[in-house]
């Protein structure tokens, strides 16, 4: 998914009144990754949400096909110091048959400079950039701009509500402690199916199953090979050695569990957490117990590899009842977070 350059990035609005005239505004660059990670670390210390990130992870985001640094990012600097930033991540691939253009906004203000109007400014600038990116690629589509809202940071929810965003969806974080075997009830095999380790050759088959499986899920759009690789098998967070696929007896892949690990969180917590970042079952094979079986098979693999816990996020209104599926294999709810959104009317072609 290569993002075309926006033909006309909107002019950057003036910074809020009362801020130093020496502050500068420019698009972010890959060399700013460490500064962004440092700002997010400062935010975590001031407003704990158990969110940890390092420069390598930020660099991966910046080099993703979903991010156009020149046209979809903004940074506010006090000399060399990053004061605030915003990033637009475009979810809808260019040329996609999707009926809606979607993007996520990410950003933060350094705690030392909160309550000076910078948060509102970053949100507004990011929405303007998102609108320009949408107009450059899919002007006739309704745009959906989304922001994730951790419950630990109610100020962010109040800020985006003030800018016109509404909460659209709730998600539940679920967890199982891997040292507690009693929390993992047995799951019967599924006749005609086999669960085996993930292989590098599975990449595209898993992508196609994912696109089909998530086609009826909220906020999901089909991923092209480039986007899929950047988010899953090509990501430094991906852990193929503890991921699995489900196949039919003839070897056709019909389900998968992909696992990720975030190094910054491992360092901060002092133990390893496995994130079941993508779980899918082809629609024709739903209702057989495949998802439960795959997850149940993954958990002892994770424990043997040295992970202490496994986490996953589930849509509270999942059409497959995923929360109940994961509860059957020992997962319990930990906390919730929401996604707020803002719709952008199409631009007349």
C-alpha atoms as a PDB file:
ATOM      1  CA  UNK A   1       0.000   0.000   0.000  1.00  0.00           C
ATOM      2  CA  UNK A   2       1.960   2.994  -1.214  1.00  0.00           C
ATOM      3  CA  UNK A   3       0.405   6.303  -0.269  1.00  0.00           C
ATOM      4  CA  UNK A   4       0.480   8.861  -3.069  1.00  0.00           C
ATOM      5  CA  UNK A   5       1.786  12.264  -2.080  1.00  0.00           C
ATOM      6  CA  UNK A   6      -1.028  14.665  -1.318  1.00  0.00           C
ATOM      7  CA  UNK A   7      -1.116  17.282  -4.071  1.00  0.00           C
ATOM      8  CA  UNK A   8      -1.792  20.044  -1.577  1.00  0.00           C
ATOM      9  CA  UNK A   9      -1.052  19.593   2.104  1.00  0.00           C
ATOM     10  CA  UNK A  10      -3.231  22.117   3.938  1.00  0.00           C
ATOM     11  CA  UNK A  11      -1.377  25.098   5.331  1.00  0.00           C
ATOM     12  CA  UNK A  12      -0.480  24.567   8.970  1.00  0.00           C
ATOM     13  CA  UNK A  13      -2.572  26.680  11.322  1.00  0.00           C
ATOM     14  CA  UNK A  14      -0.882  29.089  13.694  1.00  0.00           C
ATOM     15  CA  UNK A  15      -0.031  27.693  17.104  1.00  0.00           C
ATOM     16  CA  UNK A  16      -2.328  28.694  19.982  1.00  0.00           C
ATOM     17  CA  UNK A  17      -1.863  32.145  21.463  1.00  0.00           C
ATOM     18  CA  UNK A  18       0.538  32.456  24.346  1.00  0.00           C
ATOM     19  CA  UNK A  19       3.094  29.920  23.135  1.00  0.00           C
ATOM     20  CA  UNK A  20       6.695  31.012  22.526  1.00  0.00           C
ATOM     21  CA  UNK A  21       7.233  32.518  19.092  1.00  0.00           C
ATOM     22  CA  UNK A  22      10.501  30.580  18.846  1.00  0.00           C
ATOM     23  CA  UNK A  23       8.679  27.246  18.673  1.00  0.00           C
ATOM     24  CA  UNK A  24       8.697  25.643  15.241  1.00  0.00           C
ATOM     25  CA  UNK A  25       6.310  23.333  13.410  1.00  0.00           C
ATOM     26  CA  UNK A  26       7.269  20.786  10.761  1.00  0.00           C
ATOM     27  CA  UNK A  27       6.432  17.264   9.558  1.00  0.00           C
ATOM     28  CA  UNK A  28       8.101  14.483  11.506  1.00  0.00           C
ATOM     29  CA  UNK A  29      11.066  12.546  10.122  1.00  0.00           C
ATOM     30  CA  UNK A  30      12.435   9.110  10.925  1.00  0.00           C
ATOM     31  CA  UNK A  31      15.214  10.756  12.960  1.00  0.00           C
ATOM     32  CA  UNK A  32      12.496  12.004  15.343  1.00  0.00           C
ATOM     33  CA  UNK A  33      11.591   8.469  16.457  1.00  0.00           C
ATOM     34  CA  UNK A  34      13.635   8.659  19.657  1.00  0.00           C
ATOM     35  CA  UNK A  35      12.078  12.025  20.525  1.00  0.00           C
ATOM     36  CA  UNK A  36       8.575  10.625  20.046  1.00  0.00           C
ATOM     37  CA  UNK A  37       9.399   7.595  22.198  1.00  0.00           C
ATOM     38  CA  UNK A  38      10.790   9.898  24.880  1.00  0.00           C
ATOM     39  CA  UNK A  39       7.680  12.064  24.841  1.00  0.00           C
ATOM     40  CA  UNK A  40       5.456   8.978  25.172  1.00  0.00           C
ATOM     41  CA  UNK A  41       7.574   7.754  28.081  1.00  0.00           C
ATOM     42  CA  UNK A  42       7.094  11.113  29.805  1.00  0.00           C
ATOM     43  CA  UNK A  43       3.350  10.873  29.166  1.00  0.00           C
ATOM     44  CA  UNK A  44       3.270   7.371  30.660  1.00  0.00           C
ATOM     45  CA  UNK A  45       5.010   8.595  33.807  1.00  0.00           C
ATOM     46  CA  UNK A  46       2.567  11.477  34.192  1.00  0.00           C
ATOM     47  CA  UNK A  47      -0.562   9.546  33.210  1.00  0.00           C
ATOM     48  CA  UNK A  48       0.072   5.805  33.668  1.00  0.00           C
ATOM     49  CA  UNK A  49      -1.796   3.555  31.237  1.00  0.00           C
ATOM     50  CA  UNK A  50       0.687   0.649  31.109  1.00  0.00           C
ATOM     51  CA  UNK A  51       1.758   1.755  27.644  1.00  0.00           C
ATOM     52  CA  UNK A  52       5.438   1.522  26.771  1.00  0.00           C
ATOM     53  CA  UNK A  53       7.177   2.129  23.463  1.00  0.00           C
ATOM     54  CA  UNK A  54      10.749   2.465  22.245  1.00  0.00           C
ATOM     55  CA  UNK A  55      12.390   4.239  19.321  1.00  0.00           C
ATOM     56  CA  UNK A  56      12.537   1.075  17.220  1.00  0.00           C
ATOM     57  CA  UNK A  57       8.776   0.642  17.416  1.00  0.00           C
ATOM     58  CA  UNK A  58       8.201   4.289  16.497  1.00  0.00           C
ATOM     59  CA  UNK A  59      10.598   3.938  13.569  1.00  0.00           C
ATOM     60  CA  UNK A  60       8.627   0.942  12.353  1.00  0.00           C
ATOM     61  CA  UNK A  61       5.456   3.017  12.453  1.00  0.00           C
ATOM     62  CA  UNK A  62       7.110   5.893  10.618  1.00  0.00           C
ATOM     63  CA  UNK A  63       8.336   3.602   7.835  1.00  0.00           C
ATOM     64  CA  UNK A  64       5.029   1.761   7.499  1.00  0.00           C
ATOM     65  CA  UNK A  65       3.129   2.087   4.208  1.00  0.00           C
ATOM     66  CA  UNK A  66       0.254   3.437   6.301  1.00  0.00           C
ATOM     67  CA  UNK A  67       2.161   6.615   7.216  1.00  0.00           C
ATOM     68  CA  UNK A  68       3.012   9.499   4.898  1.00  0.00           C
ATOM     69  CA  UNK A  69       5.515  11.463   6.962  1.00  0.00           C
ATOM     70  CA  UNK A  70       5.498  14.511   4.709  1.00  0.00           C
ATOM     71  CA  UNK A  71       1.727  14.872   4.540  1.00  0.00           C
ATOM     72  CA  UNK A  72       0.335  12.985   7.530  1.00  0.00           C
ATOM     73  CA  UNK A  73       2.473  14.035  10.491  1.00  0.00           C
ATOM     74  CA  UNK A  74       3.211  17.170  12.461  1.00  0.00           C
ATOM     75  CA  UNK A  75       5.658  17.993  15.239  1.00  0.00           C
ATOM     76  CA  UNK A  76       5.962  21.037  17.482  1.00  0.00           C
ATOM     77  CA  UNK A  77       9.520  21.752  18.614  1.00  0.00           C
ATOM     78  CA  UNK A  78      11.123  23.991  21.207  1.00  0.00           C
ATOM     79  CA  UNK A  79      14.566  24.094  19.648  1.00  0.00           C
ATOM     80  CA  UNK A  80      15.589  20.427  19.377  1.00  0.00           C
ATOM     81  CA  UNK A  81      13.009  19.284  21.948  1.00  0.00           C
ATOM     82  CA  UNK A  82       9.743  17.717  20.777  1.00  0.00           C
ATOM     83  CA  UNK A  83       6.817  19.353  22.562  1.00  0.00           C
ATOM     84  CA  UNK A  84       3.874  17.677  20.797  1.00  0.00           C
ATOM     85  CA  UNK A  85       3.190  15.554  17.743  1.00  0.00           C
ATOM     86  CA  UNK A  86       0.451  14.005  15.633  1.00  0.00           C
ATOM     87  CA  UNK A  87       0.481  11.085  13.169  1.00  0.00           C
ATOM     88  CA  UNK A  88      -2.178   9.904  10.712  1.00  0.00           C
ATOM     89  CA  UNK A  89      -2.119   6.181   9.935  1.00  0.00           C
ATOM     90  CA  UNK A  90      -4.184   5.373   6.838  1.00  0.00           C
ATOM     91  CA  UNK A  91      -5.893   2.000   7.146  1.00  0.00           C
ATOM     92  CA  UNK A  92      -7.571   1.815   3.737  1.00  0.00           C
ATOM     93  CA  UNK A  93      -5.139   0.718   0.985  1.00  0.00           C
ATOM     94  CA  UNK A  94      -4.916   2.908  -2.098  1.00  0.00           C
ATOM     95  CA  UNK A  95      -7.163   1.490  -4.802  1.00  0.00           C
ATOM     96  CA  UNK A  96      -9.113  -0.608  -2.299  1.00  0.00           C
ATOM     97  CA  UNK A  97     -12.709  -1.559  -3.032  1.00  0.00           C
ATOM     98  CA  UNK A  98     -13.648  -0.471   0.498  1.00  0.00           C
ATOM     99  CA  UNK A  99     -16.686   1.761   0.790  1.00  0.00           C
ATOM    100  CA  UNK A 100     -15.177   3.862   3.560  1.00  0.00           C
ATOM    101  CA  UNK A 101     -11.775   5.535   3.850  1.00  0.00           C
ATOM    102  CA  UNK A 102     -10.349   4.984   7.331  1.00  0.00           C
ATOM    103  CA  UNK A 103      -7.445   6.349   9.329  1.00  0.00           C
ATOM    104  CA  UNK A 104      -6.274   6.340  12.938  1.00  0.00           C
ATOM    105  CA  UNK A 105      -4.811   9.356  14.692  1.00  0.00           C
ATOM    106  CA  UNK A 106      -2.000   9.106  17.200  1.00  0.00           C
ATOM    107  CA  UNK A 107      -0.415  11.938  19.102  1.00  0.00           C
ATOM    108  CA  UNK A 108       0.609  13.396  22.425  1.00  0.00           C
ATOM    109  CA  UNK A 109       1.648  16.563  24.229  1.00  0.00           C
ATOM    110  CA  UNK A 110       4.567  16.566  26.638  1.00  0.00           C
ATOM    111  CA  UNK A 111       3.197  16.764  30.210  1.00  0.00           C
ATOM    112  CA  UNK A 112       5.228  19.919  30.852  1.00  0.00           C
ATOM    113  CA  UNK A 113       3.182  21.715  28.198  1.00  0.00           C
ATOM    114  CA  UNK A 114      -0.346  20.469  28.829  1.00  0.00           C
ATOM    115  CA  UNK A 115      -3.332  22.817  29.181  1.00  0.00           C
ATOM    116  CA  UNK A 116      -1.946  25.326  26.700  1.00  0.00           C
ATOM    117  CA  UNK A 117      -4.205  24.441  23.768  1.00  0.00           C
ATOM    118  CA  UNK A 118      -1.666  22.159  22.098  1.00  0.00           C
ATOM    119  CA  UNK A 119      -3.801  19.028  22.339  1.00  0.00           C
ATOM    120  CA  UNK A 120      -6.699  20.669  20.516  1.00  0.00           C
ATOM    121  CA  UNK A 121      -4.287  22.048  17.934  1.00  0.00           C
ATOM    122  CA  UNK A 122      -2.704  18.630  17.291  1.00  0.00           C
ATOM    123  CA  UNK A 123      -6.115  16.970  16.869  1.00  0.00           C
ATOM    124  CA  UNK A 124      -7.327  19.684  14.507  1.00  0.00           C
ATOM    125  CA  UNK A 125      -4.129  19.583  12.425  1.00  0.00           C
ATOM    126  CA  UNK A 126      -4.261  15.791  12.247  1.00  0.00           C
ATOM    127  CA  UNK A 127      -7.873  15.835  11.088  1.00  0.00           C
ATOM    128  CA  UNK A 128      -6.973  18.408   8.429  1.00  0.00           C
ATOM    129  CA  UNK A 129      -4.129  16.190   7.237  1.00  0.00           C
ATOM    130  CA  UNK A 130      -6.396  13.142   7.217  1.00  0.00           C
ATOM    131  CA  UNK A 131      -8.960  14.997   5.143  1.00  0.00           C
ATOM    132  CA  UNK A 132      -6.286  16.012   2.610  1.00  0.00           C
ATOM    133  CA  UNK A 133      -4.980  12.449   2.374  1.00  0.00           C
ATOM    134  CA  UNK A 134      -8.509  11.140   1.862  1.00  0.00           C
ATOM    135  CA  UNK A 135      -9.190  13.769  -0.813  1.00  0.00           C
ATOM    136  CA  UNK A 136      -5.993  12.778  -2.628  1.00  0.00           C
ATOM    137  CA  UNK A 137      -6.826   9.073  -2.766  1.00  0.00           C
ATOM    138  CA  UNK A 138     -10.568   8.522  -2.347  1.00  0.00           C
ATOM    139  CA  UNK A 139     -12.444  11.852  -2.425  1.00  0.00           C
ATOM    140  CA  UNK A 140     -15.837  10.266  -3.106  1.00  0.00           C
ATOM    141  CA  UNK A 141     -15.686   8.018  -0.027  1.00  0.00           C
ATOM    142  CA  UNK A 142     -16.903   8.910   3.438  1.00  0.00           C
ATOM    143  CA  UNK A 143     -13.880   9.239   5.703  1.00  0.00           C
ATOM    144  CA  UNK A 144     -13.675   7.799   9.200  1.00  0.00           C
ATOM    145  CA  UNK A 145     -10.983   9.177  11.488  1.00  0.00           C
ATOM    146  CA  UNK A 146     -10.532   7.228  14.720  1.00  0.00           C
ATOM    147  CA  UNK A 147      -8.648   7.640  17.983  1.00  0.00           C
ATOM    148  CA  UNK A 148      -8.057   4.983  20.645  1.00  0.00           C
ATOM    149  CA  UNK A 149      -8.976   6.104  24.165  1.00  0.00           C
ATOM    150  CA  UNK A 150      -7.467   4.375  27.229  1.00  0.00           C
ATOM    151  CA  UNK A 151      -9.760   4.586  30.246  1.00  0.00           C
ATOM    152  CA  UNK A 152      -6.804   5.697  32.377  1.00  0.00           C
ATOM    153  CA  UNK A 153      -6.637   8.986  30.468  1.00  0.00           C
ATOM    154  CA  UNK A 154     -10.083  10.604  30.648  1.00  0.00           C
ATOM    155  CA  UNK A 155      -8.613  13.952  29.665  1.00  0.00           C
ATOM    156  CA  UNK A 156      -7.935  12.612  26.175  1.00  0.00           C
ATOM    157  CA  UNK A 157     -11.554  11.491  25.850  1.00  0.00           C
ATOM    158  CA  UNK A 158     -12.766  14.936  26.913  1.00  0.00           C
ATOM    159  CA  UNK A 159     -10.388  16.612  24.469  1.00  0.00           C
ATOM    160  CA  UNK A 160     -11.481  14.647  21.401  1.00  0.00           C
ATOM    161  CA  UNK A 161     -15.147  14.975  22.367  1.00  0.00           C
ATOM    162  CA  UNK A 162     -14.622  18.737  22.344  1.00  0.00           C
ATOM    163  CA  UNK A 163     -13.289  18.418  18.782  1.00  0.00           C
ATOM    164  CA  UNK A 164     -16.385  16.578  17.582  1.00  0.00           C
ATOM    165  CA  UNK A 165     -15.417  12.932  18.083  1.00  0.00           C
ATOM    166  CA  UNK A 166     -17.926  10.427  19.466  1.00  0.00           C
ATOM    167  CA  UNK A 167     -17.261   7.051  21.092  1.00  0.00           C
ATOM    168  CA  UNK A 168     -18.115   4.413  18.505  1.00  0.00           C
ATOM    169  CA  UNK A 169     -16.933   1.150  20.019  1.00  0.00           C
ATOM    170  CA  UNK A 170     -15.667  -0.522  23.175  1.00  0.00           C
ATOM    171  CA  UNK A 171     -12.993  -3.202  23.384  1.00  0.00           C
ATOM    172  CA  UNK A 172     -12.071  -5.500  26.261  1.00  0.00           C
ATOM    173  CA  UNK A 173      -8.514  -6.497  27.111  1.00  0.00           C
ATOM    174  CA  UNK A 174      -8.437 -10.117  28.262  1.00  0.00           C
ATOM    175  CA  UNK A 175      -5.604 -11.970  29.956  1.00  0.00           C
ATOM    176  CA  UNK A 176      -4.498 -15.388  31.122  1.00  0.00           C
ATOM    177  CA  UNK A 177      -1.561 -16.070  33.425  1.00  0.00           C
ATOM    178  CA  UNK A 178       0.482 -18.801  31.796  1.00  0.00           C
ATOM    179  CA  UNK A 179       1.826 -20.305  35.012  1.00  0.00           C
ATOM    180  CA  UNK A 180      -1.694 -21.339  36.032  1.00  0.00           C
ATOM    181  CA  UNK A 181      -2.449 -24.537  34.128  1.00  0.00           C
ATOM    182  CA  UNK A 182      -5.773 -24.890  35.958  1.00  0.00           C
ATOM    183  CA  UNK A 183      -7.019 -21.802  34.104  1.00  0.00           C
ATOM    184  CA  UNK A 184      -6.727 -23.646  30.804  1.00  0.00           C
ATOM    185  CA  UNK A 185      -9.550 -26.170  30.431  1.00  0.00           C
ATOM    186  CA  UNK A 186      -9.163 -28.883  27.822  1.00  0.00           C
ATOM    187  CA  UNK A 187     -10.566 -28.183  24.363  1.00  0.00           C
ATOM    188  CA  UNK A 188     -11.573 -31.080  22.110  1.00  0.00           C
ATOM    189  CA  UNK A 189      -9.948 -31.609  18.727  1.00  0.00           C
ATOM    190  CA  UNK A 190     -11.900 -30.551  15.653  1.00  0.00           C
ATOM    191  CA  UNK A 191     -12.360 -33.482  13.255  1.00  0.00           C
ATOM    192  CA  UNK A 192     -10.916 -32.846   9.817  1.00  0.00           C
ATOM    193  CA  UNK A 193      -8.607 -30.090  11.040  1.00  0.00           C
ATOM    194  CA  UNK A 194      -5.013 -29.853  12.258  1.00  0.00           C
ATOM    195  CA  UNK A 195      -3.281 -27.115  14.264  1.00  0.00           C
ATOM    196  CA  UNK A 196       0.393 -26.722  13.383  1.00  0.00           C
ATOM    197  CA  UNK A 197       3.189 -24.140  13.807  1.00  0.00           C
ATOM    198  CA  UNK A 198       3.214 -21.081  11.572  1.00  0.00           C
ATOM    199  CA  UNK A 199       5.677 -21.156   8.649  1.00  0.00           C
ATOM    200  CA  UNK A 200       7.041 -18.258   6.624  1.00  0.00           C
ATOM    201  CA  UNK A 201       5.462 -19.756   3.502  1.00  0.00           C
ATOM    202  CA  UNK A 202       2.033 -19.283   5.138  1.00  0.00           C
ATOM    203  CA  UNK A 203       2.189 -15.485   4.887  1.00  0.00           C
ATOM    204  CA  UNK A 204      -0.135 -14.828   1.970  1.00  0.00           C
ATOM    205  CA  UNK A 205      -2.549 -17.663   2.723  1.00  0.00           C
ATOM    206  CA  UNK A 206      -2.995 -16.315   6.249  1.00  0.00           C
ATOM    207  CA  UNK A 207      -3.547 -12.806   4.884  1.00  0.00           C
ATOM    208  CA  UNK A 208      -6.305 -14.026   2.567  1.00  0.00           C
ATOM    209  CA  UNK A 209      -8.005 -15.953   5.372  1.00  0.00           C
ATOM    210  CA  UNK A 210      -7.755 -12.862   7.575  1.00  0.00           C
ATOM    211  CA  UNK A 211      -9.335 -10.641   4.929  1.00  0.00           C
ATOM    212  CA  UNK A 212     -12.230 -13.069   4.535  1.00  0.00           C
ATOM    213  CA  UNK A 213     -12.641 -13.766   8.250  1.00  0.00           C
ATOM    214  CA  UNK A 214     -12.662 -10.101   9.262  1.00  0.00           C
ATOM    215  CA  UNK A 215     -14.862  -8.982   6.383  1.00  0.00           C
ATOM    216  CA  UNK A 216     -17.890  -8.793   8.696  1.00  0.00           C
ATOM    217  CA  UNK A 217     -16.038  -7.174  11.618  1.00  0.00           C
ATOM    218  CA  UNK A 218     -16.427  -3.535  12.599  1.00  0.00           C
ATOM    219  CA  UNK A 219     -13.744  -1.221  11.283  1.00  0.00           C
ATOM    220  CA  UNK A 220     -11.966  -3.870   9.239  1.00  0.00           C
ATOM    221  CA  UNK A 221     -10.772  -3.390   5.661  1.00  0.00           C
ATOM    222  CA  UNK A 222      -8.983  -5.931   3.441  1.00  0.00           C
ATOM    223  CA  UNK A 223      -5.194  -5.648   3.616  1.00  0.00           C
ATOM    224  CA  UNK A 224      -2.982  -5.824   0.570  1.00  0.00           C
ATOM    225  CA  UNK A 225       0.287  -7.755   0.767  1.00  0.00           C
ATOM    226  CA  UNK A 226       2.383  -4.674   1.575  1.00  0.00           C
ATOM    227  CA  UNK A 227       0.174  -3.531   4.439  1.00  0.00           C
ATOM    228  CA  UNK A 228      -0.158  -7.046   5.837  1.00  0.00           C
ATOM    229  CA  UNK A 229       3.605  -7.569   5.810  1.00  0.00           C
ATOM    230  CA  UNK A 230       4.247  -4.276   7.589  1.00  0.00           C
ATOM    231  CA  UNK A 231       1.697  -4.998  10.321  1.00  0.00           C
ATOM    232  CA  UNK A 232       2.305  -8.688  10.927  1.00  0.00           C
ATOM    233  CA  UNK A 233       5.010 -10.957   9.399  1.00  0.00           C
ATOM    234  CA  UNK A 234       7.366  -8.077   8.602  1.00  0.00           C
ATOM    235  CA  UNK A 235       7.055  -6.400  11.991  1.00  0.00           C
ATOM    236  CA  UNK A 236       9.841  -6.694  14.550  1.00  0.00           C
ATOM    237  CA  UNK A 237       7.127  -7.453  17.117  1.00  0.00           C
ATOM    238  CA  UNK A 238       5.944 -10.611  15.304  1.00  0.00           C
ATOM    239  CA  UNK A 239       6.824 -13.918  16.953  1.00  0.00           C
ATOM    240  CA  UNK A 240       6.415 -16.642  14.286  1.00  0.00           C
ATOM    241  CA  UNK A 241       7.945 -19.332  16.508  1.00  0.00           C
ATOM    242  CA  UNK A 242       4.936 -19.238  18.851  1.00  0.00           C
ATOM    243  CA  UNK A 243       2.221 -18.541  16.255  1.00  0.00           C
ATOM    244  CA  UNK A 244       0.023 -21.277  14.781  1.00  0.00           C
ATOM    245  CA  UNK A 245      -2.328 -21.987  11.902  1.00  0.00           C
ATOM    246  CA  UNK A 246      -5.244 -24.376  11.525  1.00  0.00           C
ATOM    247  CA  UNK A 247      -5.570 -26.389   8.330  1.00  0.00           C
ATOM    248  CA  UNK A 248      -7.970 -28.869   6.842  1.00  0.00           C
ATOM    249  CA  UNK A 249      -6.715 -32.428   6.463  1.00  0.00           C
ATOM    250  CA  UNK A 250      -5.591 -31.584   2.936  1.00  0.00           C
ATOM    251  CA  UNK A 251      -3.395 -28.725   4.198  1.00  0.00           C
ATOM    252  CA  UNK A 252      -5.554 -25.709   3.352  1.00  0.00           C
ATOM    253  CA  UNK A 253      -5.177 -22.923   5.931  1.00  0.00           C
ATOM    254  CA  UNK A 254      -8.515 -21.936   7.474  1.00  0.00           C
ATOM    255  CA  UNK A 255      -7.471 -20.282  10.739  1.00  0.00           C
ATOM    256  CA  UNK A 256      -4.557 -18.690  12.546  1.00  0.00           C
ATOM    257  CA  UNK A 257      -3.269 -17.148  15.771  1.00  0.00           C
ATOM    258  CA  UNK A 258      -0.493 -14.586  15.319  1.00  0.00           C
ATOM    259  CA  UNK A 259       1.556 -13.565  18.357  1.00  0.00           C
ATOM    260  CA  UNK A 260       3.422 -10.320  18.996  1.00  0.00           C
ATOM    261  CA  UNK A 261       5.727  -9.112  21.755  1.00  0.00           C
ATOM    262  CA  UNK A 262       6.665  -5.503  22.497  1.00  0.00           C
ATOM    263  CA  UNK A 263      10.264  -5.207  23.663  1.00  0.00           C
ATOM    264  CA  UNK A 264       9.742  -1.914  25.504  1.00  0.00           C
ATOM    265  CA  UNK A 265       6.993  -3.476  27.611  1.00  0.00           C
ATOM    266  CA  UNK A 266       9.118  -6.534  28.340  1.00  0.00           C
ATOM    267  CA  UNK A 267      11.966  -4.310  29.538  1.00  0.00           C
ATOM    268  CA  UNK A 268       9.686  -2.096  31.639  1.00  0.00           C
ATOM    269  CA  UNK A 269       7.750  -4.949  33.263  1.00  0.00           C
ATOM    270  CA  UNK A 270      10.633  -7.351  33.677  1.00  0.00           C
ATOM    271  CA  UNK A 271       8.756 -10.283  32.176  1.00  0.00           C
ATOM    272  CA  UNK A 272       7.439 -11.360  28.782  1.00  0.00           C
ATOM    273  CA  UNK A 273       3.849 -10.813  27.665  1.00  0.00           C
ATOM    274  CA  UNK A 274       2.543 -12.428  24.489  1.00  0.00           C
ATOM    275  CA  UNK A 275      -0.096 -10.498  22.583  1.00  0.00           C
ATOM    276  CA  UNK A 276      -2.422 -12.606  20.482  1.00  0.00           C
ATOM    277  CA  UNK A 277      -2.532  -9.799  17.963  1.00  0.00           C
ATOM    278  CA  UNK A 278      -4.616 -11.427  15.213  1.00  0.00           C
ATOM    279  CA  UNK A 279      -6.924 -14.435  15.525  1.00  0.00           C
ATOM    280  CA  UNK A 280      -9.108 -15.508  12.641  1.00  0.00           C
ATOM    281  CA  UNK A 281     -11.164 -18.404  11.347  1.00  0.00           C
ATOM    282  CA  UNK A 282     -12.540 -18.659   7.822  1.00  0.00           C
ATOM    283  CA  UNK A 283     -16.284 -18.099   7.979  1.00  0.00           C
ATOM    284  CA  UNK A 284     -17.147 -21.529   6.573  1.00  0.00           C
ATOM    285  CA  UNK A 285     -15.242 -23.088   9.485  1.00  0.00           C
ATOM    286  CA  UNK A 286     -16.754 -21.051  12.316  1.00  0.00           C
ATOM    287  CA  UNK A 287     -18.755 -22.743  15.015  1.00  0.00           C
ATOM    288  CA  UNK A 288     -16.544 -25.839  15.090  1.00  0.00           C
ATOM    289  CA  UNK A 289     -14.372 -24.785  18.020  1.00  0.00           C
ATOM    290  CA  UNK A 290     -11.299 -23.992  15.915  1.00  0.00           C
ATOM    291  CA  UNK A 291     -10.554 -20.638  17.565  1.00  0.00           C
ATOM    292  CA  UNK A 292     -10.689 -22.173  21.039  1.00  0.00           C
ATOM    293  CA  UNK A 293      -8.512 -25.058  19.896  1.00  0.00           C
ATOM    294  CA  UNK A 294      -5.877 -22.811  18.306  1.00  0.00           C
ATOM    295  CA  UNK A 295      -5.636 -20.546  21.348  1.00  0.00           C
ATOM    296  CA  UNK A 296      -5.546 -23.515  23.700  1.00  0.00           C
ATOM    297  CA  UNK A 297      -2.660 -24.991  21.695  1.00  0.00           C
ATOM    298  CA  UNK A 298      -0.751 -21.693  21.702  1.00  0.00           C
ATOM    299  CA  UNK A 299      -0.791 -21.182  25.475  1.00  0.00           C
ATOM    300  CA  UNK A 300       1.542 -24.045  26.501  1.00  0.00           C
ATOM    301  CA  UNK A 301       3.872 -23.084  23.635  1.00  0.00           C
ATOM    302  CA  UNK A 302       4.051 -19.575  25.086  1.00  0.00           C
ATOM    303  CA  UNK A 303       4.652 -20.857  28.605  1.00  0.00           C
ATOM    304  CA  UNK A 304       7.480 -23.103  27.396  1.00  0.00           C
ATOM    305  CA  UNK A 305       9.032 -20.134  25.554  1.00  0.00           C
ATOM    306  CA  UNK A 306       9.219 -18.106  28.762  1.00  0.00           C
ATOM    307  CA  UNK A 307       6.164 -15.868  28.543  1.00  0.00           C
ATOM    308  CA  UNK A 308       4.409 -15.105  31.838  1.00  0.00           C
ATOM    309  CA  UNK A 309       1.055 -14.008  30.473  1.00  0.00           C
ATOM    310  CA  UNK A 310      -0.958 -13.784  27.279  1.00  0.00           C
ATOM    311  CA  UNK A 311      -3.146 -10.798  26.411  1.00  0.00           C
ATOM    312  CA  UNK A 312      -5.615 -10.060  23.651  1.00  0.00           C
ATOM    313  CA  UNK A 313      -8.162  -7.400  22.741  1.00  0.00           C
ATOM    314  CA  UNK A 314     -11.689  -8.292  21.753  1.00  0.00           C
ATOM    315  CA  UNK A 315     -14.457  -6.189  20.268  1.00  0.00           C
ATOM    316  CA  UNK A 316     -17.185  -6.041  22.908  1.00  0.00           C
ATOM    317  CA  UNK A 317     -19.751  -6.427  20.107  1.00  0.00           C
ATOM    318  CA  UNK A 318     -17.841  -9.019  18.084  1.00  0.00           C
ATOM    319  CA  UNK A 319     -20.170 -10.807  15.629  1.00  0.00           C
ATOM    320  CA  UNK A 320     -18.482 -14.115  16.494  1.00  0.00           C
ATOM    321  CA  UNK A 321     -18.900 -13.817  20.272  1.00  0.00           C
ATOM    322  CA  UNK A 322     -15.114 -13.872  20.571  1.00  0.00           C
ATOM    323  CA  UNK A 323     -15.096 -12.859  24.233  1.00  0.00           C
ATOM    324  CA  UNK A 324     -16.983 -16.018  25.192  1.00  0.00           C
ATOM    325  CA  UNK A 325     -14.645 -18.113  23.055  1.00  0.00           C
ATOM    326  CA  UNK A 326     -11.551 -16.830  24.856  1.00  0.00           C
ATOM    327  CA  UNK A 327     -13.171 -17.143  28.269  1.00  0.00           C
ATOM    328  CA  UNK A 328     -13.560 -20.872  27.598  1.00  0.00           C
ATOM    329  CA  UNK A 329      -9.785 -21.281  27.470  1.00  0.00           C
ATOM    330  CA  UNK A 330      -9.078 -19.294  30.619  1.00  0.00           C
ATOM    331  CA  UNK A 331      -8.950 -15.638  29.578  1.00  0.00           C
ATOM    332  CA  UNK A 332     -10.598 -13.097  31.839  1.00  0.00           C
ATOM    333  CA  UNK A 333     -11.356  -9.381  31.357  1.00  0.00           C
ATOM    334  CA  UNK A 334      -8.753  -6.920  32.629  1.00  0.00           C
ATOM    335  CA  UNK A 335      -9.957  -3.519  31.445  1.00  0.00           C
ATOM    336  CA  UNK A 336     -11.690  -1.762  28.582  1.00  0.00           C
ATOM    337  CA  UNK A 337     -10.776   0.922  26.110  1.00  0.00           C
ATOM    338  CA  UNK A 338     -12.831   2.704  23.499  1.00  0.00           C
ATOM    339  CA  UNK A 339     -12.453   4.013  19.971  1.00  0.00           C
ATOM    340  CA  UNK A 340     -13.841   7.445  19.159  1.00  0.00           C
ATOM    341  CA  UNK A 341     -14.493   8.542  15.619  1.00  0.00           C
ATOM    342  CA  UNK A 342     -15.255  11.493  13.391  1.00  0.00           C
ATOM    343  CA  UNK A 343     -16.817  11.211   9.927  1.00  0.00           C
ATOM    344  CA  UNK A 344     -15.568  13.240   6.980  1.00  0.00           C
ATOM    345  CA  UNK A 345     -18.209  13.859   4.290  1.00  0.00           C
ATOM    346  CA  UNK A 346     -17.091  12.936   0.771  1.00  0.00           C
ATOM    347  CA  UNK A 347     -15.706  15.625  -1.481  1.00  0.00           C
ATOM    348  CA  UNK A 348     -17.636  16.088  -4.719  1.00  0.00           C
ATOM    349  CA  UNK A 349     -15.663  14.698  -7.640  1.00  0.00           C
END
